[in-house]
Structures are given as structure tokens and as C-alpha cells.
Amino acid sequence: MSERETFEEEKHTIERLVAQGYRICSVREHLEGAHVTWEHPDLPGENVEQHVGTAAGRKWFSHILIRQLQTR
């Protein structure tokens, strides 16, 4: 799968989680990308972990995180 296709899948997953009301609660960066943990305010303890491996995907969730922090 090309890098562009991988990014599109990552972006789709991020957008779906945001649409469902999930918020980023932690990010662990490493050499192979990042692990993003999402939590839903109405479902305590039910977290979703996502691996984001592309640079464009990491930029995209960073954009979401900045937006999320501005609306607090």
C-alpha cells in the first residue's frame, strides 16, 4: 500500500473517532510513528488506541489535538 493510501486510512479513522465524540487523551511518539489513545467522555475507561505511522497522519492528529485544546 502506498504512503498516500496509508495516510487516507489513518485520516479516515481519525475523522470517524472525532465524529463519534472521542478526544485524544495521550500520544506516545516513537521511531515508527505514534500511538494515539482516544477516550470518549461518556464512556469512561473505554479507550481506543490507534497507530499512526505516516508523517502526514501525525500532522493530521496534531491538528485535531490543537483544535481540541483550543475548545477546552
PDB file of N, CA and C in Angstrom:
ATOM      1  N   MET A   1       0.858  -1.171   0.000  1.00  0.00           N
ATOM      2  CA  MET A   1       0.000   0.000   0.000  1.00  0.00           C
ATOM      3  C   MET A   1       0.906   1.237   0.000  1.00  0.00           C
ATOM      4  N   SER A   2       0.534   2.239  -0.777  1.00  0.00           N
ATOM      5  CA  SER A   2       1.340   3.452  -0.870  1.00  0.00           C
ATOM      6  C   SER A   2       1.193   4.297   0.394  1.00  0.00           C
ATOM      7  N   GLU A   3       2.124   5.203   0.569  1.00  0.00           N
ATOM      8  CA  GLU A   3       2.081   6.104   1.726  1.00  0.00           C
ATOM      9  C   GLU A   3       0.798   6.938   1.716  1.00  0.00           C
ATOM     10  N   ARG A   4       0.381   7.366   0.545  1.00  0.00           N
ATOM     11  CA  ARG A   4      -0.843   8.169   0.417  1.00  0.00           C
ATOM     12  C   ARG A   4      -2.078   7.372   0.848  1.00  0.00           C
ATOM     13  N   GLU A   5      -2.158   6.121   0.426  1.00  0.00           N
ATOM     14  CA  GLU A   5      -3.281   5.270   0.817  1.00  0.00           C
ATOM     15  C   GLU A   5      -3.284   5.013   2.325  1.00  0.00           C
ATOM     16  N   THR A   6      -2.094   4.806   2.875  1.00  0.00           N
ATOM     17  CA  THR A   6      -1.980   4.594   4.316  1.00  0.00           C
ATOM     18  C   THR A   6      -2.445   5.829   5.068  1.00  0.00           C
ATOM     19  N   PHE A   7      -2.019   7.000   4.604  1.00  0.00           N
ATOM     20  CA  PHE A   7      -2.454   8.245   5.229  1.00  0.00           C
ATOM     21  C   PHE A   7      -3.971   8.401   5.157  1.00  0.00           C
ATOM     22  N   GLU A   8      -4.547   8.107   3.996  1.00  0.00           N
ATOM     23  CA  GLU A   8      -6.000   8.249   3.836  1.00  0.00           C
ATOM     24  C   GLU A   8      -6.743   7.352   4.831  1.00  0.00           C
ATOM     25  N   GLU A   9      -6.249   6.151   5.060  1.00  0.00           N
ATOM     26  CA  GLU A   9      -6.865   5.257   6.053  1.00  0.00           C
ATOM     27  C   GLU A   9      -6.737   5.830   7.466  1.00  0.00           C
ATOM     28  N   GLU A  10      -5.540   6.340   7.788  1.00  0.00           N
ATOM     29  CA  GLU A  10      -5.323   6.937   9.113  1.00  0.00           C
ATOM     30  C   GLU A  10      -6.246   8.138   9.311  1.00  0.00           C
ATOM     31  N   LYS A  11      -6.331   8.990   8.299  1.00  0.00           N
ATOM     32  CA  LYS A  11      -7.172  10.185   8.376  1.00  0.00           C
ATOM     33  C   LYS A  11      -8.639   9.802   8.535  1.00  0.00           C
ATOM     34  N   HIS A  12      -9.079   8.804   7.794  1.00  0.00           N
ATOM     35  CA  HIS A  12     -10.464   8.338   7.894  1.00  0.00           C
ATOM     36  C   HIS A  12     -10.762   7.847   9.317  1.00  0.00           C
ATOM     37  N   THR A  13      -9.857   7.090   9.896  1.00  0.00           N
ATOM     38  CA  THR A  13     -10.048   6.591  11.256  1.00  0.00           C
ATOM     39  C   THR A  13     -10.097   7.745  12.254  1.00  0.00           C
ATOM     40  N   ILE A  14      -9.195   8.706  12.103  1.00  0.00           N
ATOM     41  CA  ILE A  14      -9.176   9.875  12.993  1.00  0.00           C
ATOM     42  C   ILE A  14     -10.495  10.635  12.890  1.00  0.00           C
ATOM     43  N   GLU A  15     -10.933  10.898  11.675  1.00  0.00           N
ATOM     44  CA  GLU A  15     -12.171  11.644  11.469  1.00  0.00           C
ATOM     45  C   GLU A  15     -13.381  10.896  12.035  1.00  0.00           C
ATOM     46  N   ARG A  16     -13.398   9.573  11.888  1.00  0.00           N
ATOM     47  CA  ARG A  16     -14.502   8.764  12.418  1.00  0.00           C
ATOM     48  C   ARG A  16     -14.542   8.843  13.939  1.00  0.00           C
ATOM     49  N   LEU A  17     -13.374   8.752  14.577  1.00  0.00           N
ATOM     50  CA  LEU A  17     -13.324   8.834  16.040  1.00  0.00           C
ATOM     51  C   LEU A  17     -13.783  10.207  16.531  1.00  0.00           C
ATOM     52  N   VAL A  18     -13.347  11.260  15.853  1.00  0.00           N
ATOM     53  CA  VAL A  18     -13.764  12.618  16.228  1.00  0.00           C
ATOM     54  C   VAL A  18     -15.276  12.763  16.060  1.00  0.00           C
ATOM     55  N   ALA A  19     -15.809  12.251  14.964  1.00  0.00           N
ATOM     56  CA  ALA A  19     -17.252  12.338  14.708  1.00  0.00           C
ATOM     57  C   ALA A  19     -18.054  11.583  15.770  1.00  0.00           C
ATOM     58  N   GLN A  20     -17.476  10.517  16.314  1.00  0.00           N
ATOM     59  CA  GLN A  20     -18.149   9.737  17.356  1.00  0.00           C
ATOM     60  C   GLN A  20     -18.006  10.370  18.739  1.00  0.00           C
ATOM     61  N   GLY A  21     -17.247  11.467  18.839  1.00  0.00           N
ATOM     62  CA  GLY A  21     -17.111  12.178  20.102  1.00  0.00           C
ATOM     63  C   GLY A  21     -15.870  11.844  20.907  1.00  0.00           C
ATOM     64  N   TYR A  22     -14.959  11.058  20.340  1.00  0.00           N
ATOM     65  CA  TYR A  22     -13.721  10.723  21.042  1.00  0.00           C
ATOM     66  C   TYR A  22     -12.780  11.916  21.048  1.00  0.00           C
ATOM     67  N   ARG A  23     -11.952  11.969  22.099  1.00  0.00           N
ATOM     68  CA  ARG A  23     -10.947  13.022  22.245  1.00  0.00           C
ATOM     69  C   ARG A  23      -9.599  12.370  22.499  1.00  0.00           C
ATOM     70  N   ILE A  24      -8.541  13.016  22.053  1.00  0.00           N
ATOM     71  CA  ILE A  24      -7.194  12.493  22.276  1.00  0.00           C
ATOM     72  C   ILE A  24      -6.850  12.676  23.747  1.00  0.00           C
ATOM     73  N   CYS A  25      -6.428  11.589  24.398  1.00  0.00           N
ATOM     74  CA  CYS A  25      -6.042  11.713  25.804  1.00  0.00           C
ATOM     75  C   CYS A  25      -4.540  11.503  26.004  1.00  0.00           C
ATOM     76  N   SER A  26      -3.875  10.810  25.069  1.00  0.00           N
ATOM     77  CA  SER A  26      -2.417  10.699  25.168  1.00  0.00           C
ATOM     78  C   SER A  26      -1.820  10.347  23.816  1.00  0.00           C
ATOM     79  N   VAL A  27      -0.550  10.722  23.670  1.00  0.00           N
ATOM     80  CA  VAL A  27       0.201  10.435  22.451  1.00  0.00           C
ATOM     81  C   VAL A  27       1.575   9.945  22.872  1.00  0.00           C
ATOM     82  N   ARG A  28       1.982   8.800  22.311  1.00  0.00           N
ATOM     83  CA  ARG A  28       3.317   8.278  22.558  1.00  0.00           C
ATOM     84  C   ARG A  28       4.043   8.202  21.209  1.00  0.00           C
ATOM     85  N   GLU A  29       5.006   9.103  21.021  1.00  0.00           N
ATOM     86  CA  GLU A  29       5.786   9.139  19.780  1.00  0.00           C
ATOM     87  C   GLU A  29       6.932   8.138  19.881  1.00  0.00           C
ATOM     88  N   HIS A  30       7.276   7.530  18.759  1.00  0.00           N
ATOM     89  CA  HIS A  30       8.422   6.633  18.693  1.00  0.00           C
ATOM     90  C   HIS A  30       8.949   6.650  17.255  1.00  0.00           C
ATOM     91  N   LEU A  31       9.974   5.876  16.988  1.00  0.00           N
ATOM     92  CA  LEU A  31      10.625   5.924  15.678  1.00  0.00           C
ATOM     93  C   LEU A  31       9.737   5.446  14.536  1.00  0.00           C
ATOM     94  N   GLU A  32       8.733   4.654  14.818  1.00  0.00           N
ATOM     95  CA  GLU A  32       7.877   4.123  13.766  1.00  0.00           C
ATOM     96  C   GLU A  32       6.530   4.825  13.688  1.00  0.00           C
ATOM     97  N   GLY A  33       6.425   6.008  14.266  1.00  0.00           N
ATOM     98  CA  GLY A  33       5.182   6.767  14.228  1.00  0.00           C
ATOM     99  C   GLY A  33       4.745   7.204  15.606  1.00  0.00           C
ATOM    100  N   ALA A  34       3.470   7.003  15.892  1.00  0.00           N
ATOM    101  CA  ALA A  34       2.923   7.406  17.189  1.00  0.00           C
ATOM    102  C   ALA A  34       1.741   6.505  17.527  1.00  0.00           C
ATOM    103  N   HIS A  35       1.536   6.315  18.811  1.00  0.00           N
ATOM    104  CA  HIS A  35       0.333   5.645  19.297  1.00  0.00           C
ATOM    105  C   HIS A  35      -0.528   6.716  19.955  1.00  0.00           C
ATOM    106  N   VAL A  36      -1.730   6.860  19.445  1.00  0.00           N
ATOM    107  CA  VAL A  36      -2.663   7.856  19.960  1.00  0.00           C
ATOM    108  C   VAL A  36      -3.744   7.113  20.728  1.00  0.00           C
ATOM    109  N   THR A  37      -3.988   7.545  21.958  1.00  0.00           N
ATOM    110  CA  THR A  37      -5.063   6.956  22.749  1.00  0.00           C
ATOM    111  C   THR A  37      -6.223   7.935  22.773  1.00  0.00           C
ATOM    112  N   TRP A  38      -7.379   7.433  22.390  1.00  0.00           N
ATOM    113  CA  TRP A  38      -8.608   8.222  22.320  1.00  0.00           C
ATOM    114  C   TRP A  38      -9.530   7.788  23.449  1.00  0.00           C
ATOM    115  N   GLU A  39     -10.210   8.755  24.053  1.00  0.00           N
ATOM    116  CA  GLU A  39     -11.199   8.422  25.076  1.00  0.00           C
ATOM    117  C   GLU A  39     -12.495   9.150  24.762  1.00  0.00           C
ATOM    118  N   HIS A  40     -13.578   8.540  25.161  1.00  0.00           N
ATOM    119  CA  HIS A  40     -14.900   9.135  24.949  1.00  0.00           C
ATOM    120  C   HIS A  40     -15.395   9.636  26.297  1.00  0.00           C
ATOM    121  N   PRO A  41     -15.815  10.906  26.393  1.00  0.00           N
ATOM    122  CA  PRO A  41     -16.232  11.461  27.688  1.00  0.00           C
ATOM    123  C   PRO A  41     -17.433  10.735  28.305  1.00  0.00           C
ATOM    124  N   ASP A  42     -18.276  10.115  27.484  1.00  0.00           N
ATOM    125  CA  ASP A  42     -19.453   9.422  28.002  1.00  0.00           C
ATOM    126  C   ASP A  42     -19.204   7.945  28.284  1.00  0.00           C
ATOM    127  N   LEU A  43     -18.039   7.448  27.912  1.00  0.00           N
ATOM    128  CA  LEU A  43     -17.701   6.035  28.106  1.00  0.00           C
ATOM    129  C   LEU A  43     -16.388   5.913  28.875  1.00  0.00           C
ATOM    130  N   PRO A  44     -16.390   6.221  30.174  1.00  0.00           N
ATOM    131  CA  PRO A  44     -15.144   6.188  30.939  1.00  0.00           C
ATOM    132  C   PRO A  44     -14.510   4.798  30.922  1.00  0.00           C
ATOM    133  N   GLY A  45     -13.217   4.770  30.742  1.00  0.00           N
ATOM    134  CA  GLY A  45     -12.487   3.518  30.736  1.00  0.00           C
ATOM    135  C   GLY A  45     -12.468   2.796  29.396  1.00  0.00           C
ATOM    136  N   GLU A  46     -13.260   3.248  28.445  1.00  0.00           N
ATOM    137  CA  GLU A  46     -13.276   2.625  27.118  1.00  0.00           C
ATOM    138  C   GLU A  46     -12.431   3.469  26.174  1.00  0.00           C
ATOM    139  N   ASN A  47     -11.160   3.103  26.055  1.00  0.00           N
ATOM    140  CA  ASN A  47     -10.226   3.844  25.219  1.00  0.00           C
ATOM    141  C   ASN A  47      -9.977   3.098  23.921  1.00  0.00           C
ATOM    142  N   VAL A  48      -9.656   3.856  22.887  1.00  0.00           N
ATOM    143  CA  VAL A  48      -9.297   3.295  21.587  1.00  0.00           C
ATOM    144  C   VAL A  48      -7.867   3.715  21.316  1.00  0.00           C
ATOM    145  N   GLU A  49      -7.004   2.749  20.973  1.00  0.00           N
ATOM    146  CA  GLU A  49      -5.623   3.072  20.643  1.00  0.00           C
ATOM    147  C   GLU A  49      -5.435   2.938  19.141  1.00  0.00           C
ATOM    148  N   GLN A  50      -4.752   3.918  18.570  1.00  0.00           N
ATOM    149  CA  GLN A  50      -4.533   3.958  17.126  1.00  0.00           C
ATOM    150  C   GLN A  50      -3.054   4.157  16.850  1.00  0.00           C
ATOM    151  N   HIS A  51      -2.498   3.375  15.930  1.00  0.00           N
ATOM    152  CA  HIS A  51      -1.126   3.591  15.484  1.00  0.00           C
ATOM    153  C   HIS A  51      -1.169   4.480  14.253  1.00  0.00           C
ATOM    154  N   VAL A  52      -0.397   5.557  14.286  1.00  0.00           N
ATOM    155  CA  VAL A  52      -0.296   6.478  13.149  1.00  0.00           C
ATOM    156  C   VAL A  52       1.160   6.442  12.698  1.00  0.00           C
ATOM    157  N   GLY A  53       1.397   5.933  11.498  1.00  0.00           N
ATOM    158  CA  GLY A  53       2.760   5.731  11.043  1.00  0.00           C
ATOM    159  C   GLY A  53       3.270   6.724  10.033  1.00  0.00           C
ATOM    160  N   THR A  54       2.378   7.449   9.365  1.00  0.00           N
ATOM    161  CA  THR A  54       2.827   8.388   8.336  1.00  0.00           C
ATOM    162  C   THR A  54       3.044   9.774   8.925  1.00  0.00           C
ATOM    163  N   ALA A  55       3.951  10.514   8.302  1.00  0.00           N
ATOM    164  CA  ALA A  55       4.195  11.887   8.748  1.00  0.00           C
ATOM    165  C   ALA A  55       2.941  12.737   8.561  1.00  0.00           C
ATOM    166  N   ALA A  56       2.229  12.534   7.455  1.00  0.00           N
ATOM    167  CA  ALA A  56       1.011  13.303   7.209  1.00  0.00           C
ATOM    168  C   ALA A  56      -0.062  12.950   8.241  1.00  0.00           C
ATOM    169  N   GLY A  57      -0.136  11.701   8.626  1.00  0.00           N
ATOM    170  CA  GLY A  57      -1.094  11.282   9.657  1.00  0.00           C
ATOM    171  C   GLY A  57      -0.780  11.910  11.005  1.00  0.00           C
ATOM    172  N   ARG A  58       0.499  11.996  11.329  1.00  0.00           N
ATOM    173  CA  ARG A  58       0.892  12.634  12.598  1.00  0.00           C
ATOM    174  C   ARG A  58       0.572  14.126  12.569  1.00  0.00           C
ATOM    175  N   LYS A  59       0.764  14.758  11.427  1.00  0.00           N
ATOM    176  CA  LYS A  59       0.379  16.171  11.306  1.00  0.00           C
ATOM    177  C   LYS A  59      -1.128  16.329  11.481  1.00  0.00           C
ATOM    178  N   TRP A  60      -1.887  15.382  10.909  1.00  0.00           N
ATOM    179  CA  TRP A  60      -3.350  15.475  10.962  1.00  0.00           C
ATOM    180  C   TRP A  60      -3.856  15.344  12.391  1.00  0.00           C
ATOM    181  N   PHE A  61      -3.366  14.339  13.160  1.00  0.00           N
ATOM    182  CA  PHE A  61      -3.867  14.232  14.526  1.00  0.00           C
ATOM    183  C   PHE A  61      -3.356  15.382  15.382  1.00  0.00           C
ATOM    184  N   SER A  62      -2.192  15.949  15.040  1.00  0.00           N
ATOM    185  CA  SER A  62      -1.709  17.132  15.765  1.00  0.00           C
ATOM    186  C   SER A  62      -2.654  18.307  15.552  1.00  0.00           C
ATOM    187  N   HIS A  63      -3.141  18.453  14.331  1.00  0.00           N
ATOM    188  CA  HIS A  63      -4.115  19.493  14.012  1.00  0.00           C
ATOM    189  C   HIS A  63      -5.390  19.294  14.850  1.00  0.00           C
ATOM    190  N   ILE A  64      -5.851  18.053  14.941  1.00  0.00           N
ATOM    191  CA  ILE A  64      -7.039  17.729  15.735  1.00  0.00           C
ATOM    192  C   ILE A  64      -6.785  18.039  17.206  1.00  0.00           C
ATOM    193  N   LEU A  65      -5.602  17.682  17.690  1.00  0.00           N
ATOM    194  CA  LEU A  65      -5.259  17.930  19.100  1.00  0.00           C
ATOM    195  C   LEU A  65      -5.230  19.427  19.406  1.00  0.00           C
ATOM    196  N   ILE A  66      -4.653  20.218  18.522  1.00  0.00           N
ATOM    197  CA  ILE A  66      -4.612  21.676  18.728  1.00  0.00           C
ATOM    198  C   ILE A  66      -6.028  22.238  18.758  1.00  0.00           C
ATOM    199  N   ARG A  67      -6.862  21.807  17.825  1.00  0.00           N
ATOM    200  CA  ARG A  67      -8.267  22.240  17.805  1.00  0.00           C
ATOM    201  C   ARG A  67      -8.978  21.845  19.098  1.00  0.00           C
ATOM    202  N   GLN A  68      -8.708  20.634  19.549  1.00  0.00           N
ATOM    203  CA  GLN A  68      -9.315  20.124  20.784  1.00  0.00           C
ATOM    204  C   GLN A  68      -8.895  20.968  21.985  1.00  0.00           C
ATOM    205  N   LEU A  69      -7.622  21.340  22.058  1.00  0.00           N
ATOM    206  CA  LEU A  69      -7.124  22.133  23.187  1.00  0.00           C
ATOM    207  C   LEU A  69      -7.665  23.566  23.158  1.00  0.00           C
ATOM    208  N   GLN A  70      -7.927  24.090  21.963  1.00  0.00           N
ATOM    209  CA  GLN A  70      -8.456  25.447  21.853  1.00  0.00           C
ATOM    210  C   GLN A  70      -9.911  25.545  22.291  1.00  0.00           C
ATOM    211  N   THR A  71     -10.632  24.441  22.247  1.00  0.00           N
ATOM    212  CA  THR A  71     -12.047  24.465  22.589  1.00  0.00           C
ATOM    213  C   THR A  71     -12.317  24.049  24.041  1.00  0.00           C
ATOM    214  N   ARG A  72     -11.284  23.856  24.812  1.00  0.00           N
ATOM    215  CA  ARG A  72     -11.465  23.478  26.227  1.00  0.00           C
ATOM    216  C   ARG A  72     -12.044  24.578  27.025  1.00  0.00           C
TER     217      ARG A  72
END
